[in-house]
């Protein structure tokens, strides 16, 4: 399962059939996409960073811009989506998961979680950063650039509601 950054945001429009074609051109099987935000389910030989790098190189070549790629085993998506670090999310609130390249070190975890306040809460769990917001992303009091500096690595975010729908299809 690949979570791609920069797909259909910031003026980078990519049709999902074209994205599926790129994964198929890499020799990957059973390629499908879930909603138009860069979620790709596929089977491929290999794992880890080498596979991410192959996808990133292909997409940058074909799309003309860098596409950060974060792989997670399909079987882990349900666990990631079900985790509720702050308890059940109220109807008007939101919970997001940021997929990170690697588990951050202790100092980065402390810096990230120290950004928690009355509006935003953060918890790092392995290679995922959970961001609970009273309201929606636009209501957040924490700027994405400040959050990125705290955890110190690339990331791409998904709303937990979408992840739960995705997990139900796997």
Protein backbone atom coordinates (compact mmCIF):
# COMPACT_ATOMS: atom_id res chain seq x y z
CA UNK A 1 0.00 0.00 0.00
CA UNK A 2 1.44 3.35 -1.03
CA UNK A 3 0.47 6.74 0.34
CA UNK A 4 1.71 9.39 -2.06
CA UNK A 5 2.29 13.02 -1.16
CA UNK A 6 1.44 15.88 -3.50
CA UNK A 7 -1.22 14.09 -5.53
CA UNK A 8 -4.19 16.31 -6.43
CA UNK A 9 -3.10 19.13 -4.14
CA UNK A 10 -1.25 22.35 -4.85
CA UNK A 11 -2.01 22.32 -8.57
CA UNK A 12 -0.64 18.81 -9.15
CA UNK A 13 -3.58 17.05 -10.80
CA UNK A 14 -3.21 13.36 -11.60
CA UNK A 15 -5.95 11.09 -12.91
CA UNK A 16 -6.17 7.84 -11.01
CA UNK A 17 -6.11 5.72 -14.18
CA UNK A 18 -2.79 7.37 -15.11
CA UNK A 19 -1.44 6.67 -11.63
CA UNK A 20 -2.50 3.02 -11.90
CA UNK A 21 -0.78 2.84 -15.30
CA UNK A 22 2.50 4.07 -13.78
CA UNK A 23 2.42 1.40 -11.08
CA UNK A 24 1.61 -1.24 -13.69
CA UNK A 25 4.50 0.00 -15.86
CA UNK A 26 6.79 -0.70 -12.90
CA UNK A 27 5.65 -4.33 -13.10
CA UNK A 28 3.38 -4.23 -10.06
CA UNK A 29 0.24 -6.37 -10.00
CA UNK A 30 -3.33 -5.93 -8.77
CA UNK A 31 -3.03 -2.13 -8.86
CA UNK A 32 -5.98 -0.10 -7.63
CA UNK A 33 -6.46 3.38 -6.24
CA UNK A 34 -8.66 4.60 -3.43
CA UNK A 35 -10.14 8.08 -3.75
CA UNK A 36 -8.21 10.64 -5.77
CA UNK A 37 -5.58 11.54 -3.19
CA UNK A 38 -2.69 9.21 -3.91
CA UNK A 39 -3.64 5.98 -2.14
CA UNK A 40 -2.46 3.01 -4.22
CA UNK A 41 -2.97 -0.65 -3.40
CA UNK A 42 -0.69 -3.04 -5.27
CA UNK A 43 1.41 -6.20 -5.12
CA UNK A 44 5.13 -6.01 -5.84
CA UNK A 45 8.28 -7.95 -5.18
CA UNK A 46 10.57 -6.23 -2.72
CA UNK A 47 9.93 -4.04 0.25
CA UNK A 48 10.96 -0.94 2.07
CA UNK A 49 12.96 2.01 0.92
CA UNK A 50 14.16 0.46 -2.36
CA UNK A 51 10.55 -0.01 -3.47
CA UNK A 52 9.66 3.53 -2.36
CA UNK A 53 12.63 4.90 -4.32
CA UNK A 54 11.60 3.04 -7.48
CA UNK A 55 8.10 4.49 -7.25
CA UNK A 56 9.39 7.98 -6.49
CA UNK A 57 11.83 7.90 -9.43
CA UNK A 58 9.16 6.72 -11.87
CA UNK A 59 6.57 9.25 -10.74
CA UNK A 60 8.99 12.17 -10.77
CA UNK A 61 10.08 11.20 -14.29
CA UNK A 62 6.51 10.89 -15.55
CA UNK A 63 4.81 13.69 -13.58
CA UNK A 64 7.64 16.20 -13.50
CA UNK A 65 7.73 16.74 -9.74
CA UNK A 66 8.84 14.85 -6.64
CA UNK A 67 6.21 12.55 -5.16
CA UNK A 68 7.09 11.47 -1.60
CA UNK A 69 6.07 7.84 -1.20
CA UNK A 70 5.25 6.06 2.05
CA UNK A 71 4.66 2.31 2.01
CA UNK A 72 2.70 0.43 4.63
CA UNK A 73 1.61 -3.22 4.59
CA UNK A 74 -2.07 -3.44 3.69
CA UNK A 75 -2.65 -5.59 6.77
CA UNK A 76 -1.51 -2.70 9.02
CA UNK A 77 -3.99 -0.14 7.70
CA UNK A 78 -6.88 -1.33 9.86
CA UNK A 79 -4.73 -1.06 13.00
CA UNK A 80 -3.46 2.40 12.04
CA UNK A 81 -7.02 3.58 11.31
CA UNK A 82 -8.53 2.06 14.45
CA UNK A 83 -6.04 3.59 16.87
CA UNK A 84 -7.62 6.40 18.89
CA UNK A 85 -4.83 8.10 20.82
CA UNK A 86 -7.15 10.75 22.25
CA UNK A 87 -10.26 8.60 22.68
CA UNK A 88 -13.20 8.60 20.28
CA UNK A 89 -13.24 11.60 17.94
CA UNK A 90 -16.24 13.88 18.44
CA UNK A 91 -18.44 14.41 15.39
CA UNK A 92 -17.25 17.97 14.77
CA UNK A 93 -13.57 17.17 15.38
CA UNK A 94 -11.03 15.47 13.14
CA UNK A 95 -8.17 13.01 13.45
CA UNK A 96 -5.39 12.80 10.89
CA UNK A 97 -2.50 10.39 10.45
CA UNK A 98 0.80 11.59 9.07
CA UNK A 99 2.85 8.81 7.52
CA UNK A 100 6.55 9.35 8.24
CA UNK A 101 9.67 7.88 6.63
CA UNK A 102 10.89 6.42 9.92
CA UNK A 103 10.09 6.39 13.60
CA UNK A 104 11.36 9.73 14.94
CA UNK A 105 13.95 9.83 17.70
CA UNK A 106 13.07 10.73 21.28
CA UNK A 107 13.91 14.44 20.86
CA UNK A 108 11.69 14.72 17.75
CA UNK A 109 8.86 12.90 19.54
CA UNK A 110 9.10 15.31 22.48
CA UNK A 111 9.24 18.36 20.16
CA UNK A 112 6.24 17.14 18.19
CA UNK A 113 4.10 16.17 21.15
CA UNK A 114 5.03 19.47 22.88
CA UNK A 115 3.04 21.28 20.16
CA UNK A 116 -0.16 19.93 21.75
CA UNK A 117 -2.51 22.63 23.01
CA UNK A 118 -6.23 23.25 23.58
CA UNK A 119 -6.91 23.01 19.81
CA UNK A 120 -4.42 20.39 18.58
CA UNK A 121 -3.09 17.17 20.07
CA UNK A 122 -0.21 15.09 18.78
CA UNK A 123 1.00 11.58 19.46
CA UNK A 124 3.73 9.66 17.68
CA UNK A 125 3.22 5.92 17.37
CA UNK A 126 6.04 4.25 15.46
CA UNK A 127 6.14 5.67 11.93
CA UNK A 128 2.77 7.40 12.26
CA UNK A 129 1.98 10.76 13.79
CA UNK A 130 -1.59 11.23 15.00
CA UNK A 131 -2.99 14.76 14.92
CA UNK A 132 -6.28 15.37 16.70
CA UNK A 133 -7.93 18.71 16.00
CA UNK A 134 -10.93 20.29 17.69
CA UNK A 135 -12.74 21.12 14.46
CA UNK A 136 -11.16 20.50 11.07
CA UNK A 137 -7.71 21.06 9.61
CA UNK A 138 -8.50 24.70 8.82
CA UNK A 139 -9.23 25.24 12.55
CA UNK A 140 -5.77 24.07 13.60
CA UNK A 141 -3.56 26.49 15.50
CA UNK A 142 -0.39 24.64 14.40
CA UNK A 143 1.13 25.45 11.03
CA UNK A 144 2.24 22.52 8.91
CA UNK A 145 5.74 24.01 8.60
CA UNK A 146 6.12 24.12 12.41
CA UNK A 147 4.93 20.53 12.69
CA UNK A 148 7.32 19.39 9.93
CA UNK A 149 10.23 21.07 11.70
CA UNK A 150 9.34 19.34 14.97
CA UNK A 151 9.25 15.79 13.59
CA UNK A 152 12.08 16.55 11.17
CA UNK A 153 11.16 14.43 8.16
CA UNK A 154 8.89 14.14 5.15
CA UNK A 155 5.29 13.14 5.68
CA UNK A 156 1.94 12.84 4.00
CA UNK A 157 -1.36 13.10 5.86
CA UNK A 158 -4.66 11.26 5.61
CA UNK A 159 -7.92 11.77 7.48
CA UNK A 160 -8.71 8.76 9.67
CA UNK A 161 -12.24 8.59 8.22
CA UNK A 162 -10.72 7.92 4.79
CA UNK A 163 -8.28 5.39 6.24
CA UNK A 164 -11.14 3.52 7.88
CA UNK A 165 -13.01 3.37 4.57
CA UNK A 166 -9.84 2.16 2.87
CA UNK A 167 -9.25 -0.50 5.52
CA UNK A 168 -12.77 -1.83 4.94
CA UNK A 169 -11.90 -2.47 1.28
CA UNK A 170 -8.68 -4.39 1.92
